[in-house]
All heavy atoms as atom14 arrays in JSON, in Angstrom:
{
  "sequence": "KDGNVVSPFHDIPLFADQNNGILNMVVEVPRWTNAKME",
  "atom14_mask": [
    [1, 1, 1, 1, 1, 1, 1, 1, 1, 0, 0, 0, 0, 0],
    [1, 1, 1, 1, 1, 1, 1, 1, 0, 0, 0, 0, 0, 0],
    [1, 1, 1, 1, 0, 0, 0, 0, 0, 0, 0, 0, 0, 0],
    [1, 1, 1, 1, 1, 1, 1, 1, 0, 0, 0, 0, 0, 0],
    [1, 1, 1, 1, 1, 1, 1, 0, 0, 0, 0, 0, 0, 0],
    [1, 1, 1, 1, 1, 1, 1, 0, 0, 0, 0, 0, 0, 0],
    [1, 1, 1, 1, 1, 1, 0, 0, 0, 0, 0, 0, 0, 0],
    [1, 1, 1, 1, 1, 1, 1, 0, 0, 0, 0, 0, 0, 0],
    [1, 1, 1, 1, 1, 1, 1, 1, 1, 1, 1, 0, 0, 0],
    [1, 1, 1, 1, 1, 1, 1, 1, 1, 1, 0, 0, 0, 0],
    [1, 1, 1, 1, 1, 1, 1, 1, 0, 0, 0, 0, 0, 0],
    [1, 1, 1, 1, 1, 1, 1, 1, 0, 0, 0, 0, 0, 0],
    [1, 1, 1, 1, 1, 1, 1, 0, 0, 0, 0, 0, 0, 0],
    [1, 1, 1, 1, 1, 1, 1, 1, 0, 0, 0, 0, 0, 0],
    [1, 1, 1, 1, 1, 1, 1, 1, 1, 1, 1, 0, 0, 0],
    [1, 1, 1, 1, 1, 0, 0, 0, 0, 0, 0, 0, 0, 0],
    [1, 1, 1, 1, 1, 1, 1, 1, 0, 0, 0, 0, 0, 0],
    [1, 1, 1, 1, 1, 1, 1, 1, 1, 0, 0, 0, 0, 0],
    [1, 1, 1, 1, 1, 1, 1, 1, 0, 0, 0, 0, 0, 0],
    [1, 1, 1, 1, 1, 1, 1, 1, 0, 0, 0, 0, 0, 0],
    [1, 1, 1, 1, 0, 0, 0, 0, 0, 0, 0, 0, 0, 0],
    [1, 1, 1, 1, 1, 1, 1, 1, 0, 0, 0, 0, 0, 0],
    [1, 1, 1, 1, 1, 1, 1, 1, 0, 0, 0, 0, 0, 0],
    [1, 1, 1, 1, 1, 1, 1, 1, 0, 0, 0, 0, 0, 0],
    [1, 1, 1, 1, 1, 1, 1, 1, 0, 0, 0, 0, 0, 0],
    [1, 1, 1, 1, 1, 1, 1, 0, 0, 0, 0, 0, 0, 0],
    [1, 1, 1, 1, 1, 1, 1, 0, 0, 0, 0, 0, 0, 0],
    [1, 1, 1, 1, 1, 1, 1, 1, 1, 0, 0, 0, 0, 0],
    [1, 1, 1, 1, 1, 1, 1, 0, 0, 0, 0, 0, 0, 0],
    [1, 1, 1, 1, 1, 1, 1, 0, 0, 0, 0, 0, 0, 0],
    [1, 1, 1, 1, 1, 1, 1, 1, 1, 1, 1, 0, 0, 0],
    [1, 1, 1, 1, 1, 1, 1, 1, 1, 1, 1, 1, 1, 1],
    [1, 1, 1, 1, 1, 1, 1, 0, 0, 0, 0, 0, 0, 0],
    [1, 1, 1, 1, 1, 1, 1, 1, 0, 0, 0, 0, 0, 0],
    [1, 1, 1, 1, 1, 0, 0, 0, 0, 0, 0, 0, 0, 0],
    [1, 1, 1, 1, 1, 1, 1, 1, 1, 0, 0, 0, 0, 0],
    [1, 1, 1, 1, 1, 1, 1, 1, 0, 0, 0, 0, 0, 0],
    [1, 1, 1, 1, 1, 1, 1, 1, 1, 0, 0, 0, 0, 0]
  ],
  "atom14_positions": [
    [[3.56, -7.15, 18.9], [3.43, -8.56, 18.53], [3.06, -9.32, 19.8], [3.8, -9.25, 20.79], [4.74, -9.1, 17.95], [4.61, -10.56, 17.52], [5.93, -11.11, 17.01], [5.75, -12.57, 16.61], [7.02, -13.21, 16.26], [0.0, 0.0, 0.0], [0.0, 0.0, 0.0], [0.0, 0.0, 0.0], [0.0, 0.0, 0.0], [0.0, 0.0, 0.0]],
    [[1.91, -9.98, 19.75], [1.42, -10.71, 20.92], [1.39, -9.81, 22.16], [1.75, -10.23, 23.27], [2.27, -11.97, 21.17], [2.28, -12.89, 19.96], [1.25, -12.97, 19.27], [3.33, -13.51, 19.69], [0.0, 0.0, 0.0], [0.0, 0.0, 0.0], [0.0, 0.0, 0.0], [0.0, 0.0, 0.0], [0.0, 0.0, 0.0], [0.0, 0.0, 0.0]],
    [[1.01, -8.54, 21.95], [0.84, -7.6, 23.07], [2.08, -6.88, 23.52], [2.02, -6.03, 24.41], [0.0, 0.0, 0.0], [0.0, 0.0, 0.0], [0.0, 0.0, 0.0], [0.0, 0.0, 0.0], [0.0, 0.0, 0.0], [0.0, 0.0, 0.0], [0.0, 0.0, 0.0], [0.0, 0.0, 0.0], [0.0, 0.0, 0.0], [0.0, 0.0, 0.0]],
    [[3.25, -7.19, 22.92], [4.51, -6.53, 23.29], [5.01, -5.65, 22.15], [5.0, -6.07, 20.98], [5.58, -7.58, 23.63], [5.19, -8.43, 24.82], [4.89, -7.91, 25.89], [5.17, -9.75, 24.63], [0.0, 0.0, 0.0], [0.0, 0.0, 0.0], [0.0, 0.0, 0.0], [0.0, 0.0, 0.0], [0.0, 0.0, 0.0], [0.0, 0.0, 0.0]],
    [[5.47, -4.45, 22.49], [5.95, -3.52, 21.46], [7.17, -4.11, 20.74], [8.09, -4.66, 21.37], [6.31, -2.15, 22.08], [7.1, -1.28, 21.1], [5.04, -1.41, 22.51], [0.0, 0.0, 0.0], [0.0, 0.0, 0.0], [0.0, 0.0, 0.0], [0.0, 0.0, 0.0], [0.0, 0.0, 0.0], [0.0, 0.0, 0.0], [0.0, 0.0, 0.0]],
    [[7.15, -4.0, 19.42], [8.3, -4.36, 18.58], [8.59, -3.19, 17.63], [7.72, -2.35, 17.4], [8.05, -5.65, 17.76], [7.9, -6.85, 18.67], [6.83, -5.5, 16.85], [0.0, 0.0, 0.0], [0.0, 0.0, 0.0], [0.0, 0.0, 0.0], [0.0, 0.0, 0.0], [0.0, 0.0, 0.0], [0.0, 0.0, 0.0], [0.0, 0.0, 0.0]],
    [[9.78, -3.16, 17.1], [10.13, -2.12, 16.14], [9.72, -2.53, 14.73], [10.14, -3.6, 14.26], [11.65, -1.87, 16.15], [12.04, -1.17, 14.97], [0.0, 0.0, 0.0], [0.0, 0.0, 0.0], [0.0, 0.0, 0.0], [0.0, 0.0, 0.0], [0.0, 0.0, 0.0], [0.0, 0.0, 0.0], [0.0, 0.0, 0.0], [0.0, 0.0, 0.0]],
    [[8.92, -1.69, 14.03], [8.58, -2.03, 12.65], [9.76, -1.87, 11.7], [9.72, -2.35, 10.57], [7.47, -1.03, 12.31], [7.72, 0.14, 13.22], [8.28, -0.44, 14.49], [0.0, 0.0, 0.0], [0.0, 0.0, 0.0], [0.0, 0.0, 0.0], [0.0, 0.0, 0.0], [0.0, 0.0, 0.0], [0.0, 0.0, 0.0], [0.0, 0.0, 0.0]],
    [[10.81, -1.21, 12.15], [12.04, -1.04, 11.37], [12.92, -2.29, 11.52], [13.46, -2.8, 10.53], [12.75, 0.21, 11.87], [13.87, 0.75, 11.02], [14.48, 1.95, 11.38], [14.33, 0.11, 9.88], [15.51, 2.49, 10.63], [15.37, 0.64, 9.11], [15.96, 1.83, 9.5], [0.0, 0.0, 0.0], [0.0, 0.0, 0.0], [0.0, 0.0, 0.0]],
    [[13.05, -2.8, 12.76], [14.08, -3.81, 13.04], [13.56, -5.19, 13.44], [14.26, -6.18, 13.24], [14.99, -3.3, 14.17], [15.56, -1.94, 13.92], [16.26, -1.63, 12.77], [15.5, -0.8, 14.68], [16.64, -0.35, 12.84], [16.18, 0.17, 13.96], [0.0, 0.0, 0.0], [0.0, 0.0, 0.0], [0.0, 0.0, 0.0], [0.0, 0.0, 0.0]],
    [[12.37, -5.29, 14.02], [11.92, -6.56, 14.61], [10.99, -7.37, 13.73], [10.93, -8.59, 13.86], [11.23, -6.31, 15.95], [12.22, -5.89, 17.04], [13.31, -6.47, 17.1], [11.89, -4.97, 17.82], [0.0, 0.0, 0.0], [0.0, 0.0, 0.0], [0.0, 0.0, 0.0], [0.0, 0.0, 0.0], [0.0, 0.0, 0.0], [0.0, 0.0, 0.0]],
    [[10.2, -6.72, 12.89], [9.3, -7.47, 12.0], [10.14, -8.05, 10.88], [10.92, -7.33, 10.24], [8.18, -6.55, 11.46], [7.31, -6.06, 12.62], [7.33, -7.28, 10.42], [6.29, -5.01, 12.23], [0.0, 0.0, 0.0], [0.0, 0.0, 0.0], [0.0, 0.0, 0.0], [0.0, 0.0, 0.0], [0.0, 0.0, 0.0], [0.0, 0.0, 0.0]],
    [[10.04, -9.33, 10.6], [10.87, -9.92, 9.54], [10.51, -9.34, 8.17], [9.33, -9.08, 7.89], [10.54, -11.41, 9.59], [9.79, -11.63, 10.86], [9.17, -10.33, 11.24], [0.0, 0.0, 0.0], [0.0, 0.0, 0.0], [0.0, 0.0, 0.0], [0.0, 0.0, 0.0], [0.0, 0.0, 0.0], [0.0, 0.0, 0.0], [0.0, 0.0, 0.0]],
    [[11.51, -9.15, 7.32], [11.25, -8.74, 5.94], [10.42, -9.8, 5.22], [9.46, -9.48, 4.52], [12.56, -8.49, 5.21], [12.47, -8.25, 3.69], [11.61, -7.04, 3.36], [13.87, -8.1, 3.09], [0.0, 0.0, 0.0], [0.0, 0.0, 0.0], [0.0, 0.0, 0.0], [0.0, 0.0, 0.0], [0.0, 0.0, 0.0], [0.0, 0.0, 0.0]],
    [[10.8, -11.06, 5.42], [10.13, -12.15, 4.71], [9.09, -12.82, 5.6], [9.4, -13.28, 6.69], [11.15, -13.19, 4.24], [12.12, -12.66, 3.22], [13.4, -12.28, 3.59], [11.73, -12.49, 1.9], [14.29, -11.76, 2.66], [12.61, -11.98, 0.96], [13.89, -11.61, 1.34], [0.0, 0.0, 0.0], [0.0, 0.0, 0.0], [0.0, 0.0, 0.0]],
    [[7.85, -12.85, 5.09], [6.79, -13.62, 5.77], [6.87, -15.08, 5.37], [6.6, -15.97, 6.17], [5.42, -13.04, 5.41], [0.0, 0.0, 0.0], [0.0, 0.0, 0.0], [0.0, 0.0, 0.0], [0.0, 0.0, 0.0], [0.0, 0.0, 0.0], [0.0, 0.0, 0.0], [0.0, 0.0, 0.0], [0.0, 0.0, 0.0], [0.0, 0.0, 0.0]],
    [[7.25, -15.32, 4.11], [7.37, -16.68, 3.57], [8.32, -16.58, 2.37], [7.9, -16.38, 1.25], [5.99, -17.2, 3.15], [6.02, -18.62, 2.6], [7.13, -19.15, 2.37], [4.94, -19.2, 2.38], [0.0, 0.0, 0.0], [0.0, 0.0, 0.0], [0.0, 0.0, 0.0], [0.0, 0.0, 0.0], [0.0, 0.0, 0.0], [0.0, 0.0, 0.0]],
    [[9.61, -16.71, 2.66], [10.62, -16.46, 1.62], [10.5, -17.45, 0.46], [10.69, -17.08, -0.7], [12.02, -16.51, 2.22], [13.1, -16.01, 1.26], [14.4, -15.65, 1.98], [14.53, -15.86, 3.18], [15.35, -15.1, 1.25], [0.0, 0.0, 0.0], [0.0, 0.0, 0.0], [0.0, 0.0, 0.0], [0.0, 0.0, 0.0], [0.0, 0.0, 0.0]],
    [[10.15, -18.71, 0.76], [10.05, -19.71, -0.3], [8.99, -19.35, -1.33], [9.13, -19.66, -2.51], [9.73, -21.09, 0.3], [10.91, -21.66, 1.07], [12.06, -21.26, 0.82], [10.65, -22.55, 2.0], [0.0, 0.0, 0.0], [0.0, 0.0, 0.0], [0.0, 0.0, 0.0], [0.0, 0.0, 0.0], [0.0, 0.0, 0.0], [0.0, 0.0, 0.0]],
    [[7.9, -18.7, -0.87], [6.83, -18.31, -1.79], [6.9, -16.84, -2.2], [5.97, -16.33, -2.83], [5.46, -18.61, -1.15], [5.14, -20.1, -1.19], [5.16, -20.72, -2.24], [4.85, -20.67, -0.03], [0.0, 0.0, 0.0], [0.0, 0.0, 0.0], [0.0, 0.0, 0.0], [0.0, 0.0, 0.0], [0.0, 0.0, 0.0], [0.0, 0.0, 0.0]],
    [[8.0, -16.18, -1.83], [8.18, -14.79, -2.26], [7.2, -13.83, -1.61], [6.8, -12.83, -2.22], [0.0, 0.0, 0.0], [0.0, 0.0, 0.0], [0.0, 0.0, 0.0], [0.0, 0.0, 0.0], [0.0, 0.0, 0.0], [0.0, 0.0, 0.0], [0.0, 0.0, 0.0], [0.0, 0.0, 0.0], [0.0, 0.0, 0.0], [0.0, 0.0, 0.0]],
    [[6.8, -14.1, -0.35], [5.87, -13.22, 0.36], [6.65, -12.4, 1.38], [7.39, -12.95, 2.2], [4.76, -14.03, 1.07], [4.0, -14.89, 0.06], [3.81, -13.1, 1.79], [2.98, -15.81, 0.69], [0.0, 0.0, 0.0], [0.0, 0.0, 0.0], [0.0, 0.0, 0.0], [0.0, 0.0, 0.0], [0.0, 0.0, 0.0], [0.0, 0.0, 0.0]],
    [[6.46, -11.08, 1.33], [7.16, -10.17, 2.21], [6.16, -9.47, 3.13], [4.98, -9.35, 2.8], [7.93, -9.11, 1.4], [9.25, -9.55, 0.77], [9.05, -10.58, -0.33], [10.01, -8.35, 0.22], [0.0, 0.0, 0.0], [0.0, 0.0, 0.0], [0.0, 0.0, 0.0], [0.0, 0.0, 0.0], [0.0, 0.0, 0.0], [0.0, 0.0, 0.0]],
    [[6.66, -9.02, 4.27], [5.86, -8.18, 5.16], [6.02, -6.72, 4.77], [7.12, -6.28, 4.44], [6.3, -8.35, 6.62], [5.84, -9.65, 7.22], [4.68, -10.04, 7.09], [6.74, -10.35, 7.91], [0.0, 0.0, 0.0], [0.0, 0.0, 0.0], [0.0, 0.0, 0.0], [0.0, 0.0, 0.0], [0.0, 0.0, 0.0], [0.0, 0.0, 0.0]],
    [[4.93, -5.98, 4.82], [4.94, -4.54, 4.56], [4.26, -3.83, 5.73], [3.25, -4.3, 6.23], [4.17, -4.25, 3.27], [3.87, -2.79, 3.04], [2.43, -2.56, 1.97], [2.33, -0.76, 1.99], [0.0, 0.0, 0.0], [0.0, 0.0, 0.0], [0.0, 0.0, 0.0], [0.0, 0.0, 0.0], [0.0, 0.0, 0.0], [0.0, 0.0, 0.0]],
    [[4.83, -2.71, 6.15], [4.23, -1.88, 7.19], [3.47, -0.75, 6.5], [4.05, 0.04, 5.75], [5.31, -1.28, 8.11], [4.66, -0.46, 9.23], [6.21, -2.36, 8.68], [0.0, 0.0, 0.0], [0.0, 0.0, 0.0], [0.0, 0.0, 0.0], [0.0, 0.0, 0.0], [0.0, 0.0, 0.0], [0.0, 0.0, 0.0], [0.0, 0.0, 0.0]],
    [[2.15, -0.67, 6.71], [1.36, 0.42, 6.13], [1.56, 1.67, 7.01], [1.29, 1.65, 8.21], [-0.14, 0.07, 6.05], [-0.94, 1.26, 5.53], [-0.35, -1.15, 5.17], [0.0, 0.0, 0.0], [0.0, 0.0, 0.0], [0.0, 0.0, 0.0], [0.0, 0.0, 0.0], [0.0, 0.0, 0.0], [0.0, 0.0, 0.0], [0.0, 0.0, 0.0]],
    [[2.05, 2.73, 6.38], [2.2, 4.02, 7.08], [1.06, 4.97, 6.71], [0.53, 5.68, 7.57], [3.54, 4.66, 6.71], [4.75, 3.85, 7.14], [6.04, 4.32, 6.5], [6.08, 4.46, 5.24], [7.01, 4.58, 7.22], [0.0, 0.0, 0.0], [0.0, 0.0, 0.0], [0.0, 0.0, 0.0], [0.0, 0.0, 0.0], [0.0, 0.0, 0.0]],
    [[0.69, 4.99, 5.42], [-0.34, 5.92, 4.94], [-1.42, 5.12, 4.19], [-1.15, 4.6, 3.1], [0.25, 6.98, 4.0], [-0.82, 8.03, 3.65], [1.47, 7.65, 4.61], [0.0, 0.0, 0.0], [0.0, 0.0, 0.0], [0.0, 0.0, 0.0], [0.0, 0.0, 0.0], [0.0, 0.0, 0.0], [0.0, 0.0, 0.0], [0.0, 0.0, 0.0]],
    [[-2.62, 5.01, 4.73], [-3.7, 4.33, 3.99], [-4.09, 5.12, 2.74], [-3.98, 6.35, 2.71], [-4.86, 4.31, 5.0], [-4.22, 4.52, 6.34], [-3.03, 5.4, 6.09], [0.0, 0.0, 0.0], [0.0, 0.0, 0.0], [0.0, 0.0, 0.0], [0.0, 0.0, 0.0], [0.0, 0.0, 0.0], [0.0, 0.0, 0.0], [0.0, 0.0, 0.0]],
    [[-4.52, 4.38, 1.72], [-4.97, 5.04, 0.48], [-6.04, 6.09, 0.78], [-6.85, 5.94, 1.68], [-5.52, 3.99, -0.48], [-5.76, 4.53, -1.88], [-6.08, 3.43, -2.87], [-7.41, 2.89, -2.69], [-7.7, 1.61, -2.54], [-6.75, 0.71, -2.51], [-8.94, 1.21, -2.41], [0.0, 0.0, 0.0], [0.0, 0.0, 0.0], [0.0, 0.0, 0.0]],
    [[-6.02, 7.16, -0.02], [-6.98, 8.29, 0.03], [-6.7, 9.27, 1.18], [-7.37, 10.28, 1.28], [-8.45, 7.86, 0.13], [-8.95, 6.86, -0.86], [-9.83, 5.86, -0.6], [-8.65, 6.75, -2.26], [-10.09, 5.13, -1.74], [-9.37, 5.66, -2.76], [-7.82, 7.46, -3.13], [-9.31, 5.24, -4.09], [-7.74, 7.07, -4.46], [-8.48, 5.97, -4.93]],
    [[-5.76, 8.98, 2.06], [-5.49, 9.91, 3.16], [-4.32, 10.82, 2.81], [-3.54, 10.54, 1.89], [-5.22, 9.17, 4.48], [-4.05, 8.36, 4.35], [-6.41, 8.28, 4.84], [0.0, 0.0, 0.0], [0.0, 0.0, 0.0], [0.0, 0.0, 0.0], [0.0, 0.0, 0.0], [0.0, 0.0, 0.0], [0.0, 0.0, 0.0], [0.0, 0.0, 0.0]],
    [[-4.16, 11.91, 3.57], [-3.18, 12.94, 3.25], [-2.07, 13.09, 4.29], [-1.02, 13.65, 3.99], [-3.87, 14.31, 3.11], [-4.87, 14.35, 1.98], [-5.96, 13.79, 2.07], [-4.52, 15.01, 0.89], [0.0, 0.0, 0.0], [0.0, 0.0, 0.0], [0.0, 0.0, 0.0], [0.0, 0.0, 0.0], [0.0, 0.0, 0.0], [0.0, 0.0, 0.0]],
    [[-2.32, 12.64, 5.53], [-1.32, 12.82, 6.58], [-0.06, 12.02, 6.25], [-0.14, 10.82, 6.01], [-1.89, 12.39, 7.93], [0.0, 0.0, 0.0], [0.0, 0.0, 0.0], [0.0, 0.0, 0.0], [0.0, 0.0, 0.0], [0.0, 0.0, 0.0], [0.0, 0.0, 0.0], [0.0, 0.0, 0.0], [0.0, 0.0, 0.0], [0.0, 0.0, 0.0]],
    [[1.09, 12.7, 6.26], [2.34, 12.03, 5.89], [2.9, 11.3, 7.12], [3.72, 11.82, 7.85], [3.35, 13.03, 5.34], [4.52, 12.32, 4.65], [5.41, 13.26, 3.9], [6.38, 12.5, 3.0], [6.99, 11.31, 3.59], [0.0, 0.0, 0.0], [0.0, 0.0, 0.0], [0.0, 0.0, 0.0], [0.0, 0.0, 0.0], [0.0, 0.0, 0.0]],
    [[2.36, 10.11, 7.33], [2.78, 9.26, 8.44], [4.01, 8.45, 8.02], [4.09, 7.99, 6.88], [1.66, 8.31, 8.84], [0.33, 8.98, 9.18], [0.41, 10.0, 10.65], [0.64, 8.77, 11.93], [0.0, 0.0, 0.0], [0.0, 0.0, 0.0], [0.0, 0.0, 0.0], [0.0, 0.0, 0.0], [0.0, 0.0, 0.0], [0.0, 0.0, 0.0]],
    [[4.95, 8.28, 8.96], [6.15, 7.5, 8.62], [6.78, 6.91, 9.87], [6.62, 7.46, 10.98], [7.15, 8.35, 7.85], [7.6, 9.61, 8.55], [8.49, 10.48, 7.67], [8.39, 10.41, 6.44], [9.28, 11.24, 8.24], [0.0, 0.0, 0.0], [0.0, 0.0, 0.0], [0.0, 0.0, 0.0], [0.0, 0.0, 0.0], [0.0, 0.0, 0.0]]
  ]
}
């Protein structure tokens, strides 16, 4: 975030905009790919 490492488990907020029901999601595996990234 802004060039500094953050934890996608602990530092990225769950809610991007709680009032509008928008959440943040971390993409681990792009569609059509097979590598089990996590």
